[in-house]
Amino acid sequence: MRRRLCSFVGPAIPEIKTKHRDLNYINNMMVNINRYVRGWNTAFVVWGGSYIFCIAFSALLCNAEMYSEEYYTKLRNRMVSEQIIARGVGDEGVLNAMRTVKRHLFVPENLHDRAYEDTPLPIGFGQTISQPYIVALMTETLKLDRSMKVLEIGTGSGYQAAVASMLCRHVYSIEIIESLGKEAQKRLSAYPNVTVRIGDGYKGWKEHAPFDAIIVTCAPTHIPAPLVEQLKEGGKMVIPVGEMGNQELVLLTKKEGSIVQESIIPVRFVPMIDSTGTTY
C-alpha cells in the first residue's frame, strides 16, 4: 500500500513504503522533500521580491516625475493662469515673476505639494505665506520698475521679497521673528538684490530711506507714521490695516507731503507685532 504525503503543483514527490520501512530510503526521501520545499520557497521569495521591487521602483519613478522641476513649472503656470490672470492681474512683469519664483522653496518641505494652491499656508511661528493672488495683486498695485528701491515689512519666508526683486532695483526687508528672518536670509541668498534685517518693521529702515515703494505683509491697526515718513514723494505703499477679522488692503500715495488713500479689497493678514508680541 502506498500513500502520498501531500499534493503539490510541481515535481512529483517520492512515496513512502509503509510495509518495509527502510531508514536509508526514508532519509533520502526526506532530503528530496527538503530540497523541493526549499526550491519552492526560493522561487516564491524571488518572485515576490521582484514583484515588490517593481512596485517600489514604479512608485519612485512616479514620485520623481511628480516632484520634478517640470512638474512644479506646470503648477506655477496653472497658478498664474487660473488664480491670478483670471482675477484681473495683467501686468506682464508681475506674471513673469510669479511664473519664475519657485514658491515651493518658500514653504516647509511637507507642504511642497500644496505650494501652488489658491490659499495661504503656514510657515511656522504662527505666520503664513500669502495666497498667490494676494502676492501678485499687491506687487502689481505698486507699479514697480528697475529703478525703484523697495521696503518690505514682514519678510516671512521671503517669497514676496523674491517676487518683488524680479521687478525692482533692490528690496530691503525686515522680519520681527528672528528664526524666520534667518531662514529667509538663507533662501534669499539666491537673490542678490534682497537684503534682510531682523527688527521692528513698524519703525521702518531709516538708513535706506526714502523708498520708492513700501509693501507691508502684516496688519497694524493703523498706518505707521514712520513708514509714511520714509516713503518718497510720489511713492506708493500697499498695506493691510485693521483689527483681525476687519482688515482692508489699502494703497497709499504720497503727494506734496500728504497721503492719498485708496481701498482695494477686504483681506486677512497676521497682525503687525513688536518685539514683545504686542499688536500695533
C-alpha atoms as a PDB file:
ATOM      1  CA  MET A   1       0.000   0.000   0.000  1.00  0.00           C
ATOM      2  CA  ARG A   2       1.361   3.365  -0.977  1.00  0.00           C
ATOM      3  CA  ARG A   3       0.246   6.811   0.202  1.00  0.00           C
ATOM      4  CA  ARG A   4       1.244  10.297  -0.927  1.00  0.00           C
ATOM      5  CA  LEU A   5       2.389  12.643   1.836  1.00  0.00           C
ATOM      6  CA  CYS A   6       0.734  15.590   0.157  1.00  0.00           C
ATOM      7  CA  SER A   7      -0.055  17.043  -3.207  1.00  0.00           C
ATOM      8  CA  PHE A   8       1.812  19.984  -4.768  1.00  0.00           C
ATOM      9  CA  VAL A   9       1.663  21.609  -8.125  1.00  0.00           C
ATOM     10  CA  GLY A  10       5.159  20.803  -9.254  1.00  0.00           C
ATOM     11  CA  PRO A  11       7.582  17.873  -9.426  1.00  0.00           C
ATOM     12  CA  ALA A  12       6.403  14.500  -8.122  1.00  0.00           C
ATOM     13  CA  ILE A  13       7.367  13.800  -4.509  1.00  0.00           C
ATOM     14  CA  PRO A  14       8.834  10.396  -3.666  1.00  0.00           C
ATOM     15  CA  GLU A  15       6.434   7.977  -1.968  1.00  0.00           C
ATOM     16  CA  ILE A  16       6.951   6.222   1.374  1.00  0.00           C
ATOM     17  CA  LYS A  17       6.892   2.426   1.505  1.00  0.00           C
ATOM     18  CA  THR A  18       4.870   1.781   4.641  1.00  0.00           C
ATOM     19  CA  LYS A  19       5.219  -2.021   4.743  1.00  0.00           C
ATOM     20  CA  HIS A  20       9.028  -2.327   4.667  1.00  0.00           C
ATOM     21  CA  ARG A  21      10.479   0.811   6.370  1.00  0.00           C
ATOM     22  CA  ASP A  22      13.944   1.259   5.082  1.00  0.00           C
ATOM     23  CA  LEU A  23      15.597   4.016   7.143  1.00  0.00           C
ATOM     24  CA  ASN A  24      18.063   4.910   4.430  1.00  0.00           C
ATOM     25  CA  TYR A  25      15.257   5.148   1.913  1.00  0.00           C
ATOM     26  CA  ILE A  26      13.243   7.388   4.238  1.00  0.00           C
ATOM     27  CA  ASN A  27      16.228   9.613   4.924  1.00  0.00           C
ATOM     28  CA  ASN A  28      16.865  10.027   1.213  1.00  0.00           C
ATOM     29  CA  MET A  29      13.211  10.751   0.628  1.00  0.00           C
ATOM     30  CA  MET A  30      13.197  13.468   3.331  1.00  0.00           C
ATOM     31  CA  VAL A  31      16.268  15.074   1.789  1.00  0.00           C
ATOM     32  CA  ASN A  32      14.453  15.234  -1.539  1.00  0.00           C
ATOM     33  CA  ILE A  33      11.379  16.762   0.083  1.00  0.00           C
ATOM     34  CA  ASN A  34      13.512  19.407   1.811  1.00  0.00           C
ATOM     35  CA  ARG A  35      15.168  20.277  -1.462  1.00  0.00           C
ATOM     36  CA  TYR A  36      11.789  20.519  -3.126  1.00  0.00           C
ATOM     37  CA  VAL A  37      10.309  22.779  -0.443  1.00  0.00           C
ATOM     38  CA  ARG A  38      13.380  24.993  -0.366  1.00  0.00           C
ATOM     39  CA  GLY A  39      13.233  25.360  -4.109  1.00  0.00           C
ATOM     40  CA  TRP A  40       9.543  26.215  -3.949  1.00  0.00           C
ATOM     41  CA  ASN A  41      10.095  28.809  -1.214  1.00  0.00           C
ATOM     42  CA  THR A  42      13.050  30.299  -3.019  1.00  0.00           C
ATOM     43  CA  ALA A  43      11.036  30.644  -6.191  1.00  0.00           C
ATOM     44  CA  PHE A  44       8.231  32.288  -4.242  1.00  0.00           C
ATOM     45  CA  VAL A  45      10.585  34.679  -2.455  1.00  0.00           C
ATOM     46  CA  VAL A  46      12.356  35.625  -5.688  1.00  0.00           C
ATOM     47  CA  TRP A  47       9.065  36.171  -7.498  1.00  0.00           C
ATOM     48  CA  GLY A  48       7.532  38.067  -4.575  1.00  0.00           C
ATOM     49  CA  GLY A  49      10.635  40.153  -4.068  1.00  0.00           C
ATOM     50  CA  SER A  50      10.726  41.027  -7.757  1.00  0.00           C
ATOM     51  CA  TYR A  51       7.070  41.994  -7.657  1.00  0.00           C
ATOM     52  CA  ILE A  52       7.577  44.230  -4.618  1.00  0.00           C
ATOM     53  CA  PHE A  53      10.701  45.747  -6.160  1.00  0.00           C
ATOM     54  CA  CYS A  54       8.798  46.555  -9.356  1.00  0.00           C
ATOM     55  CA  ILE A  55       6.043  48.255  -7.388  1.00  0.00           C
ATOM     56  CA  ALA A  56       8.531  50.228  -5.297  1.00  0.00           C
ATOM     57  CA  PHE A  57      10.569  51.212  -8.345  1.00  0.00           C
ATOM     58  CA  SER A  58       7.450  52.328 -10.205  1.00  0.00           C
ATOM     59  CA  ALA A  59       6.391  54.390  -7.198  1.00  0.00           C
ATOM     60  CA  LEU A  60       9.805  56.033  -7.085  1.00  0.00           C
ATOM     61  CA  LEU A  61       9.595  56.890 -10.774  1.00  0.00           C
ATOM     62  CA  CYS A  62       6.114  58.357 -10.324  1.00  0.00           C
ATOM     63  CA  ASN A  63       7.261  60.297  -7.273  1.00  0.00           C
ATOM     64  CA  ALA A  64      10.315  61.616  -9.116  1.00  0.00           C
ATOM     65  CA  GLU A  65       8.158  62.702 -12.038  1.00  0.00           C
ATOM     66  CA  MET A  66       5.567  64.266  -9.732  1.00  0.00           C
ATOM     67  CA  TYR A  67       8.134  66.379  -7.901  1.00  0.00           C
ATOM     68  CA  SER A  68      10.396  67.223 -10.819  1.00  0.00           C
ATOM     69  CA  GLU A  69      11.123  70.804 -11.883  1.00  0.00           C
ATOM     70  CA  GLU A  70       8.931  70.257 -14.923  1.00  0.00           C
ATOM     71  CA  TYR A  71       6.055  69.286 -12.641  1.00  0.00           C
ATOM     72  CA  TYR A  72       6.445  72.420 -10.494  1.00  0.00           C
ATOM     73  CA  THR A  73       6.742  74.597 -13.602  1.00  0.00           C
ATOM     74  CA  LYS A  74       3.389  73.279 -14.796  1.00  0.00           C
ATOM     75  CA  LEU A  75       1.870  74.050 -11.395  1.00  0.00           C
ATOM     76  CA  ARG A  76       3.231  77.617 -11.482  1.00  0.00           C
ATOM     77  CA  ASN A  77       1.874  78.219 -14.962  1.00  0.00           C
ATOM     78  CA  ARG A  78      -1.517  76.872 -13.920  1.00  0.00           C
ATOM     79  CA  MET A  79      -1.432  79.010 -10.769  1.00  0.00           C
ATOM     80  CA  VAL A  80      -0.812  82.137 -12.838  1.00  0.00           C
ATOM     81  CA  SER A  81      -3.485  81.415 -15.423  1.00  0.00           C
ATOM     82  CA  GLU A  82      -6.237  80.103 -13.132  1.00  0.00           C
ATOM     83  CA  GLN A  83      -5.691  82.100  -9.932  1.00  0.00           C
ATOM     84  CA  ILE A  84      -4.047  85.363 -10.980  1.00  0.00           C
ATOM     85  CA  ILE A  85      -4.867  86.283 -14.579  1.00  0.00           C
ATOM     86  CA  ALA A  86      -8.415  85.011 -14.071  1.00  0.00           C
ATOM     87  CA  ARG A  87      -8.864  87.554 -11.241  1.00  0.00           C
ATOM     88  CA  GLY A  88      -7.691  90.503 -13.300  1.00  0.00           C
ATOM     89  CA  VAL A  89      -3.941  90.836 -12.678  1.00  0.00           C
ATOM     90  CA  GLY A  90      -2.443  91.639 -16.066  1.00  0.00           C
ATOM     91  CA  ASP A  91       0.992  93.208 -15.583  1.00  0.00           C
ATOM     92  CA  GLU A  92       3.360  91.034 -17.618  1.00  0.00           C
ATOM     93  CA  GLY A  93       6.305  91.711 -15.339  1.00  0.00           C
ATOM     94  CA  VAL A  94       4.348  90.530 -12.305  1.00  0.00           C
ATOM     95  CA  LEU A  95       3.024  87.490 -14.155  1.00  0.00           C
ATOM     96  CA  ASN A  96       6.522  86.503 -15.294  1.00  0.00           C
ATOM     97  CA  ALA A  97       7.862  86.923 -11.748  1.00  0.00           C
ATOM     98  CA  MET A  98       5.099  84.678 -10.397  1.00  0.00           C
ATOM     99  CA  ARG A  99       5.924  82.090 -13.077  1.00  0.00           C
ATOM    100  CA  THR A 100       9.631  82.270 -12.278  1.00  0.00           C
ATOM    101  CA  VAL A 101       9.932  82.292  -8.466  1.00  0.00           C
ATOM    102  CA  LYS A 102       9.712  78.750  -7.094  1.00  0.00           C
ATOM    103  CA  ARG A 103       7.070  79.136  -4.411  1.00  0.00           C
ATOM    104  CA  HIS A 104       7.518  75.553  -3.145  1.00  0.00           C
ATOM    105  CA  LEU A 105      11.009  76.508  -1.927  1.00  0.00           C
ATOM    106  CA  PHE A 106       9.455  79.108   0.383  1.00  0.00           C
ATOM    107  CA  VAL A 107       7.185  76.730   2.313  1.00  0.00           C
ATOM    108  CA  PRO A 108       8.033  73.834   4.660  1.00  0.00           C
ATOM    109  CA  GLU A 109       9.045  70.662   2.802  1.00  0.00           C
ATOM    110  CA  ASN A 110       5.922  68.797   3.916  1.00  0.00           C
ATOM    111  CA  LEU A 111       3.834  71.456   2.126  1.00  0.00           C
ATOM    112  CA  HIS A 112       5.713  71.442  -1.201  1.00  0.00           C
ATOM    113  CA  ASP A 113       2.842  69.625  -2.896  1.00  0.00           C
ATOM    114  CA  ARG A 114       0.433  72.381  -1.746  1.00  0.00           C
ATOM    115  CA  ALA A 115       2.634  75.361  -2.546  1.00  0.00           C
ATOM    116  CA  TYR A 116       0.693  76.402  -5.650  1.00  0.00           C
ATOM    117  CA  GLU A 117      -2.784  76.055  -4.189  1.00  0.00           C
ATOM    118  CA  ASP A 118      -5.099  79.066  -4.027  1.00  0.00           C
ATOM    119  CA  THR A 119      -4.573  79.590  -0.305  1.00  0.00           C
ATOM    120  CA  PRO A 120      -2.165  80.959   2.316  1.00  0.00           C
ATOM    121  CA  LEU A 121      -0.010  78.316   4.024  1.00  0.00           C
ATOM    122  CA  PRO A 122       1.617  78.112   7.474  1.00  0.00           C
ATOM    123  CA  ILE A 123       5.368  78.714   7.627  1.00  0.00           C
ATOM    124  CA  GLY A 124       5.837  78.343  11.387  1.00  0.00           C
ATOM    125  CA  PHE A 125       5.795  80.677  14.396  1.00  0.00           C
ATOM    126  CA  GLY A 126       2.133  81.475  13.796  1.00  0.00           C
ATOM    127  CA  GLN A 127       2.943  83.117  10.439  1.00  0.00           C
ATOM    128  CA  THR A 128       1.770  82.379   6.902  1.00  0.00           C
ATOM    129  CA  ILE A 129       2.846  82.792   3.299  1.00  0.00           C
ATOM    130  CA  SER A 130       0.194  84.827   1.498  1.00  0.00           C
ATOM    131  CA  GLN A 131      -2.160  83.424  -1.114  1.00  0.00           C
ATOM    132  CA  PRO A 132      -0.531  83.683  -4.591  1.00  0.00           C
ATOM    133  CA  TYR A 133      -3.210  86.062  -5.886  1.00  0.00           C
ATOM    134  CA  ILE A 134      -2.658  88.476  -2.990  1.00  0.00           C
ATOM    135  CA  VAL A 135       1.118  88.495  -3.612  1.00  0.00           C
ATOM    136  CA  ALA A 136       0.524  89.276  -7.283  1.00  0.00           C
ATOM    137  CA  LEU A 137      -2.138  91.908  -6.562  1.00  0.00           C
ATOM    138  CA  MET A 138      -0.012  93.787  -4.003  1.00  0.00           C
ATOM    139  CA  THR A 139       3.020  93.696  -6.306  1.00  0.00           C
ATOM    140  CA  GLU A 140       1.068  94.951  -9.314  1.00  0.00           C
ATOM    141  CA  THR A 141      -0.505  97.753  -7.253  1.00  0.00           C
ATOM    142  CA  LEU A 142       2.932  99.279  -6.580  1.00  0.00           C
ATOM    143  CA  LYS A 143       3.809  99.503 -10.316  1.00  0.00           C
ATOM    144  CA  LEU A 144       7.440  98.571  -9.721  1.00  0.00           C
ATOM    145  CA  ASP A 145      10.272  99.170 -12.170  1.00  0.00           C
ATOM    146  CA  ARG A 146      14.025  98.515 -12.242  1.00  0.00           C
ATOM    147  CA  SER A 147      14.923 101.953 -10.904  1.00  0.00           C
ATOM    148  CA  MET A 148      12.987 101.554  -7.652  1.00  0.00           C
ATOM    149  CA  LYS A 149      14.102 100.846  -4.095  1.00  0.00           C
ATOM    150  CA  VAL A 150      11.509  98.921  -2.115  1.00  0.00           C
ATOM    151  CA  LEU A 151      10.954  98.384   1.608  1.00  0.00           C
ATOM    152  CA  GLU A 152       9.116  95.256   2.722  1.00  0.00           C
ATOM    153  CA  ILE A 153       7.738  94.891   6.236  1.00  0.00           C
ATOM    154  CA  GLY A 154       7.306  91.240   7.256  1.00  0.00           C
ATOM    155  CA  THR A 155       9.791  89.057   5.374  1.00  0.00           C
ATOM    156  CA  GLY A 156       8.150  85.802   6.466  1.00  0.00           C
ATOM    157  CA  SER A 157       9.589  83.018   4.342  1.00  0.00           C
ATOM    158  CA  GLY A 158      10.916  85.519   1.777  1.00  0.00           C
ATOM    159  CA  TYR A 159       8.514  84.782  -1.079  1.00  0.00           C
ATOM    160  CA  GLN A 160       7.102  88.299  -1.514  1.00  0.00           C
ATOM    161  CA  ALA A 161      10.615  89.779  -1.437  1.00  0.00           C
ATOM    162  CA  ALA A 162      11.761  87.296  -4.099  1.00  0.00           C
ATOM    163  CA  VAL A 163       8.860  88.227  -6.382  1.00  0.00           C
ATOM    164  CA  ALA A 164       9.407  91.980  -5.906  1.00  0.00           C
ATOM    165  CA  SER A 165      13.148  91.597  -6.515  1.00  0.00           C
ATOM    166  CA  MET A 166      12.423  90.454 -10.063  1.00  0.00           C
ATOM    167  CA  LEU A 167      10.915  93.871 -10.813  1.00  0.00           C
ATOM    168  CA  CYS A 168      12.926  96.495  -8.902  1.00  0.00           C
ATOM    169  CA  ARG A 169      16.484  97.627  -8.146  1.00  0.00           C
ATOM    170  CA  HIS A 170      16.657  96.483  -4.523  1.00  0.00           C
ATOM    171  CA  VAL A 171      14.397  95.133  -1.778  1.00  0.00           C
ATOM    172  CA  TYR A 172      15.104  95.888   1.887  1.00  0.00           C
ATOM    173  CA  SER A 173      13.063  93.529   4.038  1.00  0.00           C
ATOM    174  CA  ILE A 174      12.505  93.495   7.809  1.00  0.00           C
ATOM    175  CA  GLU A 175      11.350  90.499   9.896  1.00  0.00           C
ATOM    176  CA  ILE A 176      10.492  90.723  13.611  1.00  0.00           C
ATOM    177  CA  ILE A 177      10.799  86.961  14.276  1.00  0.00           C
ATOM    178  CA  GLU A 178      14.500  86.135  14.363  1.00  0.00           C
ATOM    179  CA  SER A 179      14.249  82.453  13.364  1.00  0.00           C
ATOM    180  CA  LEU A 180      12.054  83.273  10.365  1.00  0.00           C
ATOM    181  CA  GLY A 181      14.344  86.087   9.342  1.00  0.00           C
ATOM    182  CA  LYS A 182      17.454  83.924   9.437  1.00  0.00           C
ATOM    183  CA  GLU A 183      15.780  81.175   7.403  1.00  0.00           C
ATOM    184  CA  ALA A 184      14.630  83.766   4.863  1.00  0.00           C
ATOM    185  CA  GLN A 185      18.159  85.173   4.594  1.00  0.00           C
ATOM    186  CA  LYS A 186      19.401  81.733   3.560  1.00  0.00           C
ATOM    187  CA  ARG A 187      16.666  81.260   0.974  1.00  0.00           C
ATOM    188  CA  LEU A 188      17.117  84.748  -0.421  1.00  0.00           C
ATOM    189  CA  SER A 189      20.864  84.352  -0.852  1.00  0.00           C
ATOM    190  CA  ALA A 190      19.943  83.372  -4.413  1.00  0.00           C
ATOM    191  CA  TYR A 191      18.528  86.891  -4.889  1.00  0.00           C
ATOM    192  CA  PRO A 192      21.472  89.338  -4.663  1.00  0.00           C
ATOM    193  CA  ASN A 193      19.246  92.437  -4.718  1.00  0.00           C
ATOM    194  CA  VAL A 194      17.433  91.495  -1.487  1.00  0.00           C
ATOM    195  CA  THR A 195      18.698  92.497   1.967  1.00  0.00           C
ATOM    196  CA  VAL A 196      17.031  91.119   5.100  1.00  0.00           C
ATOM    197  CA  ARG A 197      17.268  92.524   8.610  1.00  0.00           C
ATOM    198  CA  ILE A 198      15.867  91.290  11.917  1.00  0.00           C
ATOM    199  CA  GLY A 199      13.982  94.146  13.540  1.00  0.00           C
ATOM    200  CA  ASP A 200      10.760  96.012  14.212  1.00  0.00           C
ATOM    201  CA  GLY A 201       9.119  96.767  10.886  1.00  0.00           C
ATOM    202  CA  TYR A 202       6.824  99.427  12.335  1.00  0.00           C
ATOM    203  CA  LYS A 203       9.882 101.675  12.625  1.00  0.00           C
ATOM    204  CA  GLY A 204      11.000 101.107   9.035  1.00  0.00           C
ATOM    205  CA  TRP A 205      14.627 101.302   7.902  1.00  0.00           C
ATOM    206  CA  LYS A 206      15.863 104.906   8.113  1.00  0.00           C
ATOM    207  CA  GLU A 207      19.351 104.144   6.835  1.00  0.00           C
ATOM    208  CA  HIS A 208      17.995 103.338   3.378  1.00  0.00           C
ATOM    209  CA  ALA A 209      15.079 105.785   3.223  1.00  0.00           C
ATOM    210  CA  PRO A 210      13.395 107.272   1.309  1.00  0.00           C
ATOM    211  CA  PHE A 211      11.785 104.361  -0.512  1.00  0.00           C
ATOM    212  CA  ASP A 212      10.036 104.455  -3.865  1.00  0.00           C
ATOM    213  CA  ALA A 213       7.591 101.830  -2.643  1.00  0.00           C
ATOM    214  CA  ILE A 214       6.689 100.055   0.589  1.00  0.00           C
ATOM    215  CA  ILE A 215       4.917  96.728   0.811  1.00  0.00           C
ATOM    216  CA  VAL A 216       3.578  95.582   4.183  1.00  0.00           C
ATOM    217  CA  THR A 217       2.644  91.927   4.674  1.00  0.00           C
ATOM    218  CA  CYS A 218       1.289  92.132   8.232  1.00  0.00           C
ATOM    219  CA  ALA A 219      -1.600  94.225   9.504  1.00  0.00           C
ATOM    220  CA  PRO A 220      -1.299  97.070  12.023  1.00  0.00           C
ATOM    221  CA  THR A 221      -4.486  98.597  13.423  1.00  0.00           C
ATOM    222  CA  HIS A 222      -3.409 101.973  11.994  1.00  0.00           C
ATOM    223  CA  ILE A 223      -0.978 103.288   9.401  1.00  0.00           C
ATOM    224  CA  PRO A 224       2.548 103.531  10.919  1.00  0.00           C
ATOM    225  CA  ALA A 225       3.795 107.146  10.854  1.00  0.00           C
ATOM    226  CA  PRO A 226       7.485 106.131  10.451  1.00  0.00           C
ATOM    227  CA  LEU A 227       6.648 104.304   7.214  1.00  0.00           C
ATOM    228  CA  VAL A 228       4.818 107.327   5.837  1.00  0.00           C
ATOM    229  CA  GLU A 229       7.848 109.481   6.669  1.00  0.00           C
ATOM    230  CA  GLN A 230      10.196 107.083   4.876  1.00  0.00           C
ATOM    231  CA  LEU A 231       8.071 106.977   1.731  1.00  0.00           C
ATOM    232  CA  LYS A 232       9.446 109.077  -1.122  1.00  0.00           C
ATOM    233  CA  GLU A 233       7.368 111.896  -2.579  1.00  0.00           C
ATOM    234  CA  GLY A 234       5.180 110.313  -5.234  1.00  0.00           C
ATOM    235  CA  GLY A 235       5.871 106.882  -3.723  1.00  0.00           C
ATOM    236  CA  LYS A 236       3.274 104.200  -3.019  1.00  0.00           C
ATOM    237  CA  MET A 237       2.627 101.949  -0.037  1.00  0.00           C
ATOM    238  CA  VAL A 238       0.342  98.928  -0.059  1.00  0.00           C
ATOM    239  CA  ILE A 239      -0.680  97.792   3.408  1.00  0.00           C
ATOM    240  CA  PRO A 240      -3.425  95.785   5.162  1.00  0.00           C
ATOM    241  CA  VAL A 241      -4.945  97.809   8.005  1.00  0.00           C
ATOM    242  CA  GLY A 242      -7.398  96.943  10.783  1.00  0.00           C
ATOM    243  CA  GLU A 243      -8.268  94.558  13.568  1.00  0.00           C
ATOM    244  CA  MET A 244      -8.270  90.810  12.918  1.00  0.00           C
ATOM    245  CA  GLY A 245     -11.466  89.945  11.056  1.00  0.00           C
ATOM    246  CA  ASN A 246     -11.968  93.506   9.843  1.00  0.00           C
ATOM    247  CA  GLN A 247      -8.953  94.326   7.688  1.00  0.00           C
ATOM    248  CA  GLU A 248      -8.729  96.168   4.413  1.00  0.00           C
ATOM    249  CA  LEU A 249      -5.914  96.310   1.887  1.00  0.00           C
ATOM    250  CA  VAL A 250      -5.230  99.948   1.027  1.00  0.00           C
ATOM    251  CA  LEU A 251      -2.963 101.837  -1.359  1.00  0.00           C
ATOM    252  CA  LEU A 252      -1.333 104.988  -0.020  1.00  0.00           C
ATOM    253  CA  THR A 253       0.259 107.534  -2.367  1.00  0.00           C
ATOM    254  CA  LYS A 254       2.370 110.390  -1.050  1.00  0.00           C
ATOM    255  CA  LYS A 255       1.521 113.685  -2.771  1.00  0.00           C
ATOM    256  CA  GLU A 256       3.013 117.010  -1.619  1.00  0.00           C
ATOM    257  CA  GLY A 257       3.669 115.570   1.811  1.00  0.00           C
ATOM    258  CA  SER A 258       0.119 114.292   2.276  1.00  0.00           C
ATOM    259  CA  ILE A 259      -1.262 110.776   1.911  1.00  0.00           C
ATOM    260  CA  VAL A 260      -3.982 109.842  -0.543  1.00  0.00           C
ATOM    261  CA  GLN A 261      -5.670 106.595   0.493  1.00  0.00           C
ATOM    262  CA  GLU A 262      -7.471 104.157  -1.801  1.00  0.00           C
ATOM    263  CA  SER A 263      -9.238 100.979  -0.672  1.00  0.00           C
ATOM    264  CA  ILE A 264      -8.541  97.810  -2.642  1.00  0.00           C
ATOM    265  CA  ILE A 265     -10.181  94.711  -1.116  1.00  0.00           C
ATOM    266  CA  PRO A 266     -11.009  93.170   2.285  1.00  0.00           C
ATOM    267  CA  VAL A 267      -8.209  90.857   3.443  1.00  0.00           C
ATOM    268  CA  ARG A 268      -6.996  88.773   6.349  1.00  0.00           C
ATOM    269  CA  PHE A 269      -3.357  89.077   7.425  1.00  0.00           C
ATOM    270  CA  VAL A 270      -1.424  88.182  10.562  1.00  0.00           C
ATOM    271  CA  PRO A 271      -1.128  91.225  12.874  1.00  0.00           C
ATOM    272  CA  MET A 272       1.904  93.506  12.966  1.00  0.00           C
ATOM    273  CA  ILE A 273       3.661  92.991  16.318  1.00  0.00           C
ATOM    274  CA  ASP A 274       6.533  94.448  18.275  1.00  0.00           C
ATOM    275  CA  SER A 275       9.403  92.553  19.911  1.00  0.00           C
ATOM    276  CA  THR A 276       7.169  91.588  22.876  1.00  0.00           C
ATOM    277  CA  GLY A 277       4.441  90.177  20.657  1.00  0.00           C
ATOM    278  CA  THR A 278       2.103  93.115  21.257  1.00  0.00           C
ATOM    279  CA  THR A 279      -0.033  94.124  18.266  1.00  0.00           C
ATOM    280  CA  TYR A 280       0.460  97.598  16.852  1.00  0.00           C
END
